Amino acid sequence: MSSSSRPARLLIIPGLRDSGSAHWQTWLQDQHADARRVVQRDFENANLQRWSERIQSTLELAGNGVEWIAVAHSFGVLALVHHLTAHPDSPIREALLVAPAEPERFGVAELLPQRRLAIPTTLIASRTDPWMSAASAQRWAARWGSSYSNLGNVGHINAEAGFGPFPLAQRWVEARSDEAVAGPARNVWRLQPSIAH
């Protein structure tokens, strides 16, 4: 983890159909004035390579010398882990992976990393997510070396499931900012389902 004294910027990576005004990713972005959102050219068609490249171009447009923490949802998670493998020099230093989409549903499982990711990641799943079973989420988390938490009966962890504000994601971001200032020893953040929403 970086020992920089400057907090990393927040990168929001939505899934299919973007994250609308009622979605927790939009709420989270609104909490951080310097956050940047990855805007796909086509949010209706999940194309792993194009979505991954769009993450890269978004980072490049933001300029050099910026460190990032990324918060991805659904197919955006798949695009992010693909990006991290394709760009080992990515300025993203840590990522929160929320309710990933099932890679098999999109025929992209073999294009995703099958080993531990180069940066720390936390994967948050649901017992009743229609887009990925809890068992599959746990397998991918183990494969990627991600910390794993299952929030229980909370669907796809999106606006339809009642996630407008999502304090857990905000606490994760704040903990990363605290670490940048005080160092990793300050990290007292823990996933607690009771603070999910």
N, C-alpha and C. Protein backbone atom coordinates (compact mmCIF):
# COMPACT_ATOMS: atom_id res chain seq x y z
N MET A 1 0.83 -1.18 0.00
CA MET A 1 0.00 0.00 0.00
C MET A 1 0.86 1.23 0.00
N SER A 2 0.41 2.26 -0.66
CA SER A 2 1.17 3.49 -0.78
C SER A 2 1.37 4.17 0.56
N SER A 3 2.52 4.79 0.72
CA SER A 3 2.77 5.58 1.92
C SER A 3 2.60 7.07 1.63
N SER A 4 1.99 7.38 0.51
CA SER A 4 1.77 8.77 0.13
C SER A 4 1.00 9.51 1.21
N SER A 5 1.34 10.82 1.36
CA SER A 5 0.61 11.63 2.34
C SER A 5 -0.65 12.23 1.73
N ARG A 6 -0.87 12.01 0.44
CA ARG A 6 -2.04 12.55 -0.22
C ARG A 6 -3.06 11.44 -0.45
N PRO A 7 -4.31 11.65 -0.01
CA PRO A 7 -5.32 10.60 -0.21
C PRO A 7 -5.52 10.29 -1.69
N ALA A 8 -5.80 9.02 -1.97
CA ALA A 8 -6.09 8.62 -3.35
C ALA A 8 -7.46 9.13 -3.75
N ARG A 9 -7.64 9.32 -5.04
CA ARG A 9 -8.94 9.73 -5.56
C ARG A 9 -9.83 8.50 -5.76
N LEU A 10 -11.11 8.75 -5.76
CA LEU A 10 -12.10 7.67 -5.89
C LEU A 10 -12.51 7.50 -7.34
N LEU A 11 -12.43 6.26 -7.82
CA LEU A 11 -12.88 5.92 -9.17
C LEU A 11 -14.11 5.03 -9.06
N ILE A 12 -15.21 5.47 -9.64
CA ILE A 12 -16.47 4.72 -9.64
C ILE A 12 -16.59 3.97 -10.96
N ILE A 13 -16.85 2.65 -10.88
CA ILE A 13 -16.95 1.82 -12.08
C ILE A 13 -18.30 1.10 -12.06
N PRO A 14 -19.31 1.67 -12.75
CA PRO A 14 -20.65 1.06 -12.74
C PRO A 14 -20.73 -0.18 -13.61
N GLY A 15 -21.86 -0.86 -13.49
CA GLY A 15 -22.15 -2.03 -14.31
C GLY A 15 -23.10 -1.70 -15.44
N LEU A 16 -23.79 -2.71 -15.94
CA LEU A 16 -24.72 -2.52 -17.05
C LEU A 16 -25.75 -1.43 -16.74
N ARG A 17 -26.08 -0.67 -17.77
CA ARG A 17 -27.07 0.41 -17.69
C ARG A 17 -26.67 1.50 -16.72
N ASP A 18 -25.37 1.55 -16.41
CA ASP A 18 -24.84 2.60 -15.53
C ASP A 18 -25.50 2.48 -14.15
N SER A 19 -25.17 3.36 -13.26
CA SER A 19 -25.81 3.41 -11.94
C SER A 19 -26.56 4.73 -11.88
N GLY A 20 -27.87 4.65 -11.87
CA GLY A 20 -28.69 5.84 -11.96
C GLY A 20 -28.64 6.72 -10.72
N SER A 21 -29.47 7.74 -10.70
CA SER A 21 -29.43 8.73 -9.63
C SER A 21 -29.78 8.12 -8.26
N ALA A 22 -30.53 7.02 -8.25
CA ALA A 22 -30.93 6.40 -6.98
C ALA A 22 -29.94 5.35 -6.49
N HIS A 23 -28.93 5.03 -7.29
CA HIS A 23 -27.98 3.95 -6.98
C HIS A 23 -26.93 4.43 -5.99
N TRP A 24 -26.46 3.52 -5.14
CA TRP A 24 -25.47 3.88 -4.13
C TRP A 24 -24.15 4.37 -4.73
N GLN A 25 -23.79 3.93 -5.94
CA GLN A 25 -22.54 4.43 -6.53
C GLN A 25 -22.64 5.93 -6.83
N THR A 26 -23.81 6.37 -7.28
CA THR A 26 -24.02 7.79 -7.52
C THR A 26 -24.00 8.55 -6.20
N TRP A 27 -24.65 8.00 -5.18
CA TRP A 27 -24.61 8.59 -3.85
C TRP A 27 -23.18 8.71 -3.35
N LEU A 28 -22.39 7.64 -3.51
CA LEU A 28 -21.00 7.65 -3.05
C LEU A 28 -20.18 8.69 -3.81
N GLN A 29 -20.37 8.75 -5.11
CA GLN A 29 -19.64 9.73 -5.92
C GLN A 29 -19.94 11.15 -5.44
N ASP A 30 -21.18 11.40 -5.09
CA ASP A 30 -21.58 12.73 -4.63
C ASP A 30 -20.92 13.12 -3.31
N GLN A 31 -20.42 12.14 -2.55
CA GLN A 31 -19.74 12.43 -1.29
C GLN A 31 -18.30 12.90 -1.49
N HIS A 32 -17.78 12.74 -2.71
CA HIS A 32 -16.36 13.01 -2.98
C HIS A 32 -16.22 13.90 -4.20
N ALA A 33 -15.89 15.15 -3.97
CA ALA A 33 -15.87 16.15 -5.04
C ALA A 33 -14.87 15.81 -6.15
N ASP A 34 -13.78 15.12 -5.80
CA ASP A 34 -12.77 14.83 -6.81
C ASP A 34 -12.91 13.41 -7.39
N ALA A 35 -14.03 12.75 -7.12
CA ALA A 35 -14.24 11.40 -7.67
C ALA A 35 -14.38 11.47 -9.19
N ARG A 36 -14.02 10.38 -9.82
CA ARG A 36 -14.16 10.26 -11.28
C ARG A 36 -14.97 9.02 -11.57
N ARG A 37 -15.84 9.10 -12.57
CA ARG A 37 -16.70 7.97 -12.95
C ARG A 37 -16.28 7.47 -14.32
N VAL A 38 -16.22 6.15 -14.47
CA VAL A 38 -15.96 5.55 -15.77
C VAL A 38 -17.28 5.51 -16.54
N VAL A 39 -17.32 6.22 -17.64
CA VAL A 39 -18.53 6.29 -18.46
C VAL A 39 -18.30 5.50 -19.74
N GLN A 40 -18.98 4.36 -19.84
CA GLN A 40 -18.82 3.52 -21.02
C GLN A 40 -19.53 4.14 -22.23
N ARG A 41 -19.01 3.87 -23.40
CA ARG A 41 -19.68 4.37 -24.62
C ARG A 41 -21.03 3.69 -24.81
N ASP A 42 -21.13 2.45 -24.37
CA ASP A 42 -22.37 1.70 -24.51
C ASP A 42 -22.62 0.91 -23.24
N PHE A 43 -23.48 1.43 -22.38
CA PHE A 43 -23.78 0.78 -21.11
C PHE A 43 -24.76 -0.38 -21.27
N GLU A 44 -25.32 -0.54 -22.46
CA GLU A 44 -26.31 -1.60 -22.67
C GLU A 44 -25.66 -2.92 -23.10
N ASN A 45 -24.44 -2.86 -23.60
CA ASN A 45 -23.77 -4.06 -24.09
C ASN A 45 -22.48 -4.29 -23.32
N ALA A 46 -22.43 -5.39 -22.61
CA ALA A 46 -21.26 -5.71 -21.79
C ALA A 46 -20.17 -6.31 -22.66
N ASN A 47 -19.14 -5.53 -22.93
CA ASN A 47 -18.00 -5.98 -23.71
C ASN A 47 -16.76 -5.83 -22.84
N LEU A 48 -16.23 -6.95 -22.39
CA LEU A 48 -15.16 -6.91 -21.39
C LEU A 48 -13.96 -6.10 -21.86
N GLN A 49 -13.50 -6.34 -23.07
CA GLN A 49 -12.31 -5.65 -23.57
C GLN A 49 -12.54 -4.14 -23.67
N ARG A 50 -13.67 -3.75 -24.24
CA ARG A 50 -13.95 -2.32 -24.38
C ARG A 50 -14.14 -1.64 -23.03
N TRP A 51 -14.84 -2.32 -22.13
CA TRP A 51 -15.06 -1.72 -20.81
C TRP A 51 -13.75 -1.58 -20.04
N SER A 52 -12.88 -2.58 -20.17
CA SER A 52 -11.58 -2.53 -19.52
C SER A 52 -10.74 -1.40 -20.09
N GLU A 53 -10.76 -1.25 -21.41
CA GLU A 53 -10.00 -0.16 -22.05
C GLU A 53 -10.54 1.20 -21.63
N ARG A 54 -11.85 1.28 -21.41
CA ARG A 54 -12.44 2.56 -21.00
C ARG A 54 -11.95 2.97 -19.61
N ILE A 55 -11.73 1.99 -18.73
CA ILE A 55 -11.13 2.30 -17.43
C ILE A 55 -9.75 2.91 -17.64
N GLN A 56 -8.97 2.31 -18.51
CA GLN A 56 -7.63 2.81 -18.77
C GLN A 56 -7.65 4.22 -19.34
N SER A 57 -8.53 4.47 -20.30
CA SER A 57 -8.57 5.81 -20.91
C SER A 57 -9.05 6.86 -19.90
N THR A 58 -9.95 6.47 -19.00
CA THR A 58 -10.41 7.38 -17.96
C THR A 58 -9.25 7.77 -17.04
N LEU A 59 -8.44 6.79 -16.67
CA LEU A 59 -7.28 7.07 -15.82
C LEU A 59 -6.27 7.95 -16.55
N GLU A 60 -6.03 7.68 -17.82
CA GLU A 60 -5.07 8.46 -18.59
C GLU A 60 -5.52 9.91 -18.73
N LEU A 61 -6.82 10.13 -18.93
CA LEU A 61 -7.34 11.49 -19.05
C LEU A 61 -7.19 12.27 -17.75
N ALA A 62 -7.18 11.57 -16.64
CA ALA A 62 -7.05 12.23 -15.34
C ALA A 62 -5.62 12.71 -15.09
N GLY A 63 -4.67 12.20 -15.86
CA GLY A 63 -3.28 12.63 -15.73
C GLY A 63 -2.42 11.70 -14.90
N ASN A 64 -1.11 11.92 -15.01
CA ASN A 64 -0.15 11.09 -14.28
C ASN A 64 -0.01 11.56 -12.84
N GLY A 65 0.55 10.70 -12.02
CA GLY A 65 0.84 11.06 -10.65
C GLY A 65 -0.34 11.00 -9.71
N VAL A 66 -1.46 10.46 -10.17
CA VAL A 66 -2.65 10.34 -9.33
C VAL A 66 -2.81 8.88 -8.92
N GLU A 67 -3.01 8.64 -7.63
CA GLU A 67 -3.33 7.29 -7.15
C GLU A 67 -4.84 7.20 -6.95
N TRP A 68 -5.35 5.99 -7.13
CA TRP A 68 -6.80 5.78 -7.09
C TRP A 68 -7.18 4.63 -6.19
N ILE A 69 -8.37 4.73 -5.63
CA ILE A 69 -9.05 3.56 -5.07
C ILE A 69 -10.32 3.40 -5.90
N ALA A 70 -10.65 2.17 -6.26
CA ALA A 70 -11.76 1.92 -7.17
C ALA A 70 -12.89 1.21 -6.45
N VAL A 71 -14.12 1.62 -6.80
CA VAL A 71 -15.32 0.96 -6.28
C VAL A 71 -16.15 0.53 -7.48
N ALA A 72 -16.21 -0.77 -7.71
CA ALA A 72 -16.87 -1.32 -8.89
C ALA A 72 -18.10 -2.13 -8.51
N HIS A 73 -19.07 -2.17 -9.43
CA HIS A 73 -20.30 -2.93 -9.20
C HIS A 73 -20.63 -3.78 -10.42
N SER A 74 -21.08 -5.02 -10.19
CA SER A 74 -21.63 -5.90 -11.21
C SER A 74 -20.64 -6.16 -12.36
N PHE A 75 -21.02 -5.89 -13.61
CA PHE A 75 -20.08 -6.14 -14.71
C PHE A 75 -18.88 -5.21 -14.63
N GLY A 76 -19.05 -4.08 -13.95
CA GLY A 76 -17.91 -3.19 -13.73
C GLY A 76 -16.79 -3.87 -12.95
N VAL A 77 -17.15 -4.81 -12.07
CA VAL A 77 -16.13 -5.58 -11.35
C VAL A 77 -15.29 -6.40 -12.33
N LEU A 78 -15.97 -7.05 -13.27
CA LEU A 78 -15.24 -7.88 -14.24
C LEU A 78 -14.33 -7.02 -15.10
N ALA A 79 -14.83 -5.86 -15.51
CA ALA A 79 -14.00 -4.94 -16.30
C ALA A 79 -12.79 -4.49 -15.51
N LEU A 80 -12.98 -4.22 -14.23
CA LEU A 80 -11.87 -3.76 -13.39
C LEU A 80 -10.80 -4.82 -13.21
N VAL A 81 -11.19 -6.05 -12.88
CA VAL A 81 -10.16 -7.08 -12.66
C VAL A 81 -9.43 -7.40 -13.97
N HIS A 82 -10.15 -7.31 -15.09
CA HIS A 82 -9.49 -7.47 -16.39
C HIS A 82 -8.49 -6.35 -16.61
N HIS A 83 -8.89 -5.12 -16.32
CA HIS A 83 -7.99 -3.97 -16.45
C HIS A 83 -6.73 -4.16 -15.60
N LEU A 84 -6.90 -4.60 -14.36
CA LEU A 84 -5.77 -4.74 -13.46
C LEU A 84 -4.76 -5.76 -13.98
N THR A 85 -5.25 -6.79 -14.64
CA THR A 85 -4.36 -7.80 -15.20
C THR A 85 -3.67 -7.28 -16.47
N ALA A 86 -4.43 -6.56 -17.29
CA ALA A 86 -3.88 -6.01 -18.54
C ALA A 86 -2.91 -4.87 -18.29
N HIS A 87 -3.06 -4.20 -17.16
CA HIS A 87 -2.23 -3.02 -16.85
C HIS A 87 -1.63 -3.18 -15.45
N PRO A 88 -0.57 -3.97 -15.33
CA PRO A 88 0.04 -4.19 -14.01
C PRO A 88 0.59 -2.91 -13.39
N ASP A 89 0.78 -1.87 -14.20
CA ASP A 89 1.26 -0.59 -13.69
C ASP A 89 0.10 0.38 -13.39
N SER A 90 -1.11 -0.12 -13.32
CA SER A 90 -2.28 0.71 -13.06
C SER A 90 -2.09 1.53 -11.79
N PRO A 91 -2.53 2.79 -11.79
CA PRO A 91 -2.42 3.61 -10.58
C PRO A 91 -3.49 3.30 -9.53
N ILE A 92 -4.33 2.30 -9.80
CA ILE A 92 -5.32 1.88 -8.80
C ILE A 92 -4.59 1.06 -7.74
N ARG A 93 -4.72 1.48 -6.48
CA ARG A 93 -3.95 0.81 -5.43
C ARG A 93 -4.78 -0.12 -4.56
N GLU A 94 -6.11 0.00 -4.63
CA GLU A 94 -6.97 -0.88 -3.85
C GLU A 94 -8.37 -0.81 -4.44
N ALA A 95 -9.16 -1.88 -4.30
CA ALA A 95 -10.48 -1.89 -4.92
C ALA A 95 -11.52 -2.59 -4.07
N LEU A 96 -12.74 -2.06 -4.15
CA LEU A 96 -13.92 -2.66 -3.53
C LEU A 96 -14.77 -3.24 -4.66
N LEU A 97 -15.01 -4.54 -4.61
CA LEU A 97 -15.72 -5.26 -5.68
C LEU A 97 -17.09 -5.66 -5.13
N VAL A 98 -18.14 -4.99 -5.60
CA VAL A 98 -19.46 -5.19 -5.04
C VAL A 98 -20.37 -5.95 -6.00
N ALA A 99 -20.92 -7.06 -5.56
CA ALA A 99 -21.89 -7.85 -6.32
C ALA A 99 -21.44 -8.09 -7.77
N PRO A 100 -20.33 -8.81 -7.96
CA PRO A 100 -19.87 -9.06 -9.33
C PRO A 100 -20.92 -9.81 -10.14
N ALA A 101 -20.92 -9.55 -11.44
CA ALA A 101 -21.74 -10.34 -12.35
C ALA A 101 -21.06 -11.69 -12.58
N GLU A 102 -21.84 -12.72 -12.84
CA GLU A 102 -21.30 -14.06 -13.09
C GLU A 102 -20.59 -14.08 -14.45
N PRO A 103 -19.27 -14.30 -14.48
CA PRO A 103 -18.55 -14.29 -15.75
C PRO A 103 -19.08 -15.29 -16.78
N GLU A 104 -19.54 -16.45 -16.31
CA GLU A 104 -20.04 -17.46 -17.23
C GLU A 104 -21.26 -16.98 -18.01
N ARG A 105 -22.05 -16.10 -17.42
CA ARG A 105 -23.23 -15.59 -18.11
C ARG A 105 -22.87 -14.75 -19.32
N PHE A 106 -21.66 -14.21 -19.32
CA PHE A 106 -21.20 -13.36 -20.41
C PHE A 106 -20.12 -14.03 -21.25
N GLY A 107 -19.79 -15.27 -20.91
CA GLY A 107 -18.77 -16.01 -21.67
C GLY A 107 -17.38 -15.43 -21.55
N VAL A 108 -17.05 -14.84 -20.38
CA VAL A 108 -15.76 -14.18 -20.25
C VAL A 108 -14.89 -14.77 -19.12
N ALA A 109 -15.32 -15.87 -18.54
CA ALA A 109 -14.59 -16.43 -17.39
C ALA A 109 -13.12 -16.68 -17.72
N GLU A 110 -12.86 -17.20 -18.93
CA GLU A 110 -11.48 -17.53 -19.29
C GLU A 110 -10.64 -16.28 -19.57
N LEU A 111 -11.28 -15.12 -19.71
CA LEU A 111 -10.55 -13.88 -19.95
C LEU A 111 -10.20 -13.15 -18.66
N LEU A 112 -10.68 -13.65 -17.54
CA LEU A 112 -10.43 -13.00 -16.26
C LEU A 112 -9.25 -13.64 -15.55
N PRO A 113 -8.60 -12.90 -14.65
CA PRO A 113 -7.48 -13.48 -13.92
C PRO A 113 -7.91 -14.67 -13.08
N GLN A 114 -7.08 -15.68 -13.06
CA GLN A 114 -7.36 -16.90 -12.31
C GLN A 114 -6.43 -17.02 -11.10
N ARG A 115 -5.81 -15.90 -10.74
CA ARG A 115 -4.86 -15.90 -9.62
C ARG A 115 -5.04 -14.62 -8.81
N ARG A 116 -4.30 -14.54 -7.72
CA ARG A 116 -4.36 -13.39 -6.82
C ARG A 116 -4.08 -12.10 -7.59
N LEU A 117 -4.89 -11.09 -7.35
CA LEU A 117 -4.68 -9.79 -7.97
C LEU A 117 -3.49 -9.09 -7.32
N ALA A 118 -2.91 -8.15 -8.05
CA ALA A 118 -1.69 -7.48 -7.58
C ALA A 118 -1.96 -6.44 -6.50
N ILE A 119 -3.21 -6.05 -6.31
CA ILE A 119 -3.55 -5.05 -5.30
C ILE A 119 -4.54 -5.66 -4.29
N PRO A 120 -4.65 -5.08 -3.11
CA PRO A 120 -5.66 -5.56 -2.15
C PRO A 120 -7.07 -5.29 -2.67
N THR A 121 -7.94 -6.26 -2.51
CA THR A 121 -9.33 -6.11 -2.93
C THR A 121 -10.25 -6.69 -1.86
N THR A 122 -11.45 -6.14 -1.81
CA THR A 122 -12.50 -6.64 -0.93
C THR A 122 -13.71 -6.93 -1.78
N LEU A 123 -14.24 -8.13 -1.71
CA LEU A 123 -15.40 -8.52 -2.49
C LEU A 123 -16.61 -8.64 -1.56
N ILE A 124 -17.66 -7.92 -1.88
CA ILE A 124 -18.90 -7.96 -1.12
C ILE A 124 -19.97 -8.66 -1.95
N ALA A 125 -20.57 -9.68 -1.39
CA ALA A 125 -21.55 -10.49 -2.11
C ALA A 125 -22.87 -10.54 -1.35
N SER A 126 -23.82 -11.25 -1.94
CA SER A 126 -25.15 -11.41 -1.37
C SER A 126 -25.59 -12.86 -1.49
N ARG A 127 -26.36 -13.31 -0.54
CA ARG A 127 -26.88 -14.67 -0.60
C ARG A 127 -27.97 -14.81 -1.64
N THR A 128 -28.61 -13.70 -2.03
CA THR A 128 -29.75 -13.76 -2.95
C THR A 128 -29.52 -12.91 -4.21
N ASP A 129 -28.26 -12.79 -4.62
CA ASP A 129 -27.94 -12.02 -5.82
C ASP A 129 -28.32 -12.83 -7.06
N PRO A 130 -29.22 -12.32 -7.92
CA PRO A 130 -29.59 -13.06 -9.12
C PRO A 130 -28.50 -13.08 -10.18
N TRP A 131 -27.47 -12.25 -10.02
CA TRP A 131 -26.41 -12.17 -11.02
C TRP A 131 -25.19 -13.01 -10.69
N MET A 132 -25.06 -13.46 -9.46
CA MET A 132 -23.97 -14.36 -9.08
C MET A 132 -24.31 -15.04 -7.77
N SER A 133 -24.18 -16.35 -7.73
CA SER A 133 -24.45 -17.07 -6.50
C SER A 133 -23.38 -16.75 -5.46
N ALA A 134 -23.75 -16.90 -4.21
CA ALA A 134 -22.79 -16.66 -3.12
C ALA A 134 -21.61 -17.61 -3.22
N ALA A 135 -21.86 -18.85 -3.62
CA ALA A 135 -20.77 -19.83 -3.75
C ALA A 135 -19.79 -19.41 -4.83
N SER A 136 -20.31 -18.94 -5.96
CA SER A 136 -19.44 -18.48 -7.04
C SER A 136 -18.66 -17.24 -6.61
N ALA A 137 -19.32 -16.33 -5.93
CA ALA A 137 -18.64 -15.12 -5.45
C ALA A 137 -17.49 -15.48 -4.52
N GLN A 138 -17.72 -16.45 -3.66
CA GLN A 138 -16.67 -16.86 -2.73
C GLN A 138 -15.51 -17.52 -3.47
N ARG A 139 -15.82 -18.29 -4.50
CA ARG A 139 -14.75 -18.92 -5.30
C ARG A 139 -13.89 -17.86 -6.00
N TRP A 140 -14.55 -16.86 -6.62
CA TRP A 140 -13.79 -15.81 -7.29
C TRP A 140 -12.99 -15.00 -6.29
N ALA A 141 -13.56 -14.72 -5.13
CA ALA A 141 -12.82 -13.98 -4.11
C ALA A 141 -11.56 -14.73 -3.69
N ALA A 142 -11.69 -16.04 -3.51
CA ALA A 142 -10.52 -16.85 -3.13
C ALA A 142 -9.47 -16.84 -4.25
N ARG A 143 -9.93 -16.95 -5.47
CA ARG A 143 -9.04 -16.94 -6.63
C ARG A 143 -8.25 -15.63 -6.71
N TRP A 144 -8.95 -14.52 -6.48
CA TRP A 144 -8.33 -13.20 -6.61
C TRP A 144 -7.62 -12.74 -5.34
N GLY A 145 -7.71 -13.53 -4.27
CA GLY A 145 -7.09 -13.14 -3.01
C GLY A 145 -7.82 -12.00 -2.33
N SER A 146 -9.11 -11.90 -2.58
CA SER A 146 -9.92 -10.81 -2.02
C SER A 146 -10.42 -11.15 -0.62
N SER A 147 -10.48 -10.14 0.25
CA SER A 147 -11.26 -10.29 1.47
C SER A 147 -12.70 -10.47 1.04
N TYR A 148 -13.47 -11.27 1.77
CA TYR A 148 -14.82 -11.62 1.33
C TYR A 148 -15.83 -11.39 2.44
N SER A 149 -16.97 -10.81 2.06
CA SER A 149 -18.07 -10.65 3.00
C SER A 149 -19.38 -10.86 2.28
N ASN A 150 -20.27 -11.64 2.91
CA ASN A 150 -21.60 -11.87 2.36
C ASN A 150 -22.60 -11.12 3.24
N LEU A 151 -23.34 -10.18 2.64
CA LEU A 151 -24.26 -9.34 3.41
C LEU A 151 -25.62 -10.00 3.63
N GLY A 152 -25.82 -11.20 3.11
CA GLY A 152 -27.07 -11.92 3.35
C GLY A 152 -28.11 -11.69 2.28
N ASN A 153 -29.35 -11.52 2.69
CA ASN A 153 -30.48 -11.43 1.77
C ASN A 153 -30.67 -10.00 1.26
N VAL A 154 -29.75 -9.57 0.37
CA VAL A 154 -29.78 -8.18 -0.10
C VAL A 154 -29.73 -8.08 -1.62
N GLY A 155 -30.10 -9.13 -2.33
CA GLY A 155 -30.20 -9.06 -3.79
C GLY A 155 -28.90 -8.66 -4.47
N HIS A 156 -29.01 -7.81 -5.48
CA HIS A 156 -27.85 -7.42 -6.29
C HIS A 156 -27.15 -6.18 -5.74
N ILE A 157 -27.48 -5.80 -4.54
CA ILE A 157 -26.85 -4.65 -3.87
C ILE A 157 -26.90 -3.43 -4.81
N ASN A 158 -28.11 -3.13 -5.25
CA ASN A 158 -28.33 -2.00 -6.16
C ASN A 158 -29.55 -1.21 -5.68
N ALA A 159 -29.96 -0.24 -6.47
CA ALA A 159 -31.09 0.61 -6.07
C ALA A 159 -32.36 -0.21 -5.92
N GLU A 160 -32.56 -1.18 -6.80
CA GLU A 160 -33.77 -2.02 -6.73
C GLU A 160 -33.82 -2.83 -5.44
N ALA A 161 -32.66 -3.11 -4.88
CA ALA A 161 -32.58 -3.87 -3.63
C ALA A 161 -32.58 -2.95 -2.41
N GLY A 162 -32.78 -1.66 -2.64
CA GLY A 162 -32.86 -0.71 -1.54
C GLY A 162 -31.57 -0.03 -1.17
N PHE A 163 -30.57 -0.12 -2.04
CA PHE A 163 -29.29 0.51 -1.75
C PHE A 163 -29.18 1.84 -2.49
N GLY A 164 -29.64 2.91 -1.82
CA GLY A 164 -29.38 4.26 -2.27
C GLY A 164 -28.10 4.66 -1.56
N PRO A 165 -28.20 5.22 -0.35
CA PRO A 165 -27.00 5.34 0.48
C PRO A 165 -26.46 3.95 0.86
N PHE A 166 -25.15 3.84 0.91
CA PHE A 166 -24.49 2.58 1.25
C PHE A 166 -23.33 2.90 2.19
N PRO A 167 -23.61 3.11 3.48
CA PRO A 167 -22.57 3.55 4.42
C PRO A 167 -21.35 2.65 4.45
N LEU A 168 -21.54 1.35 4.22
CA LEU A 168 -20.40 0.44 4.24
C LEU A 168 -19.36 0.84 3.20
N ALA A 169 -19.81 1.18 1.99
CA ALA A 169 -18.88 1.60 0.94
C ALA A 169 -18.20 2.91 1.31
N GLN A 170 -18.96 3.83 1.90
CA GLN A 170 -18.38 5.10 2.32
C GLN A 170 -17.32 4.89 3.40
N ARG A 171 -17.58 3.99 4.34
CA ARG A 171 -16.59 3.71 5.39
C ARG A 171 -15.33 3.10 4.79
N TRP A 172 -15.51 2.24 3.78
CA TRP A 172 -14.35 1.65 3.12
C TRP A 172 -13.49 2.74 2.49
N VAL A 173 -14.12 3.68 1.79
CA VAL A 173 -13.38 4.78 1.16
C VAL A 173 -12.69 5.63 2.21
N GLU A 174 -13.39 5.97 3.27
CA GLU A 174 -12.80 6.80 4.32
C GLU A 174 -11.60 6.12 4.97
N ALA A 175 -11.68 4.81 5.17
CA ALA A 175 -10.56 4.07 5.76
C ALA A 175 -9.34 4.11 4.86
N ARG A 176 -9.57 4.04 3.54
CA ARG A 176 -8.44 4.14 2.62
C ARG A 176 -7.80 5.52 2.70
N SER A 177 -8.61 6.56 2.84
CA SER A 177 -8.08 7.91 2.96
C SER A 177 -7.30 8.08 4.26
N ASP A 178 -7.79 7.49 5.35
CA ASP A 178 -7.09 7.55 6.62
C ASP A 178 -5.73 6.88 6.51
N GLU A 179 -5.66 5.76 5.80
CA GLU A 179 -4.40 5.04 5.65
C GLU A 179 -3.38 5.87 4.91
N ALA A 180 -3.83 6.63 3.90
CA ALA A 180 -2.89 7.43 3.13
C ALA A 180 -2.20 8.47 4.01
N VAL A 181 -2.92 8.95 5.03
CA VAL A 181 -2.37 9.97 5.91
C VAL A 181 -1.58 9.35 7.05
N ALA A 182 -2.15 8.29 7.67
CA ALA A 182 -1.56 7.75 8.89
C ALA A 182 -0.77 6.47 8.69
N GLY A 183 -0.87 5.86 7.51
CA GLY A 183 -0.18 4.60 7.27
C GLY A 183 -1.10 3.42 7.52
N PRO A 184 -0.73 2.23 7.01
CA PRO A 184 -1.60 1.06 7.10
C PRO A 184 -1.99 0.68 8.51
N ALA A 185 -1.19 1.01 9.50
CA ALA A 185 -1.50 0.59 10.87
C ALA A 185 -2.80 1.22 11.37
N ARG A 186 -3.22 2.30 10.73
CA ARG A 186 -4.44 2.97 11.17
C ARG A 186 -5.69 2.24 10.70
N ASN A 187 -5.56 1.27 9.84
CA ASN A 187 -6.73 0.61 9.25
C ASN A 187 -7.48 -0.21 10.29
N VAL A 188 -8.57 0.36 10.79
CA VAL A 188 -9.40 -0.36 11.75
C VAL A 188 -10.74 -0.72 11.15
N TRP A 189 -10.88 -0.46 9.85
CA TRP A 189 -12.16 -0.72 9.17
C TRP A 189 -12.39 -2.21 9.04
N ARG A 190 -13.62 -2.62 9.33
CA ARG A 190 -14.01 -4.03 9.15
C ARG A 190 -15.36 -4.08 8.49
N LEU A 191 -15.58 -5.07 7.67
CA LEU A 191 -16.90 -5.26 7.07
C LEU A 191 -17.88 -5.73 8.13
N GLN A 192 -18.97 -5.02 8.27
CA GLN A 192 -20.00 -5.39 9.22
C GLN A 192 -21.34 -5.34 8.53
N PRO A 193 -21.99 -6.47 8.30
CA PRO A 193 -23.28 -6.45 7.61
C PRO A 193 -24.29 -5.51 8.25
N SER A 194 -24.19 -5.27 9.54
CA SER A 194 -25.17 -4.41 10.21
C SER A 194 -25.11 -2.97 9.74
N ILE A 195 -23.98 -2.57 9.09
CA ILE A 195 -23.88 -1.19 8.61
C ILE A 195 -24.03 -1.13 7.10
N ALA A 196 -24.53 -2.19 6.49
CA ALA A 196 -24.62 -2.23 5.04
C ALA A 196 -25.48 -1.10 4.50
N HIS A 197 -26.67 -0.90 5.05
CA HIS A 197 -27.53 0.19 4.60
C HIS A 197 -28.62 0.44 5.61
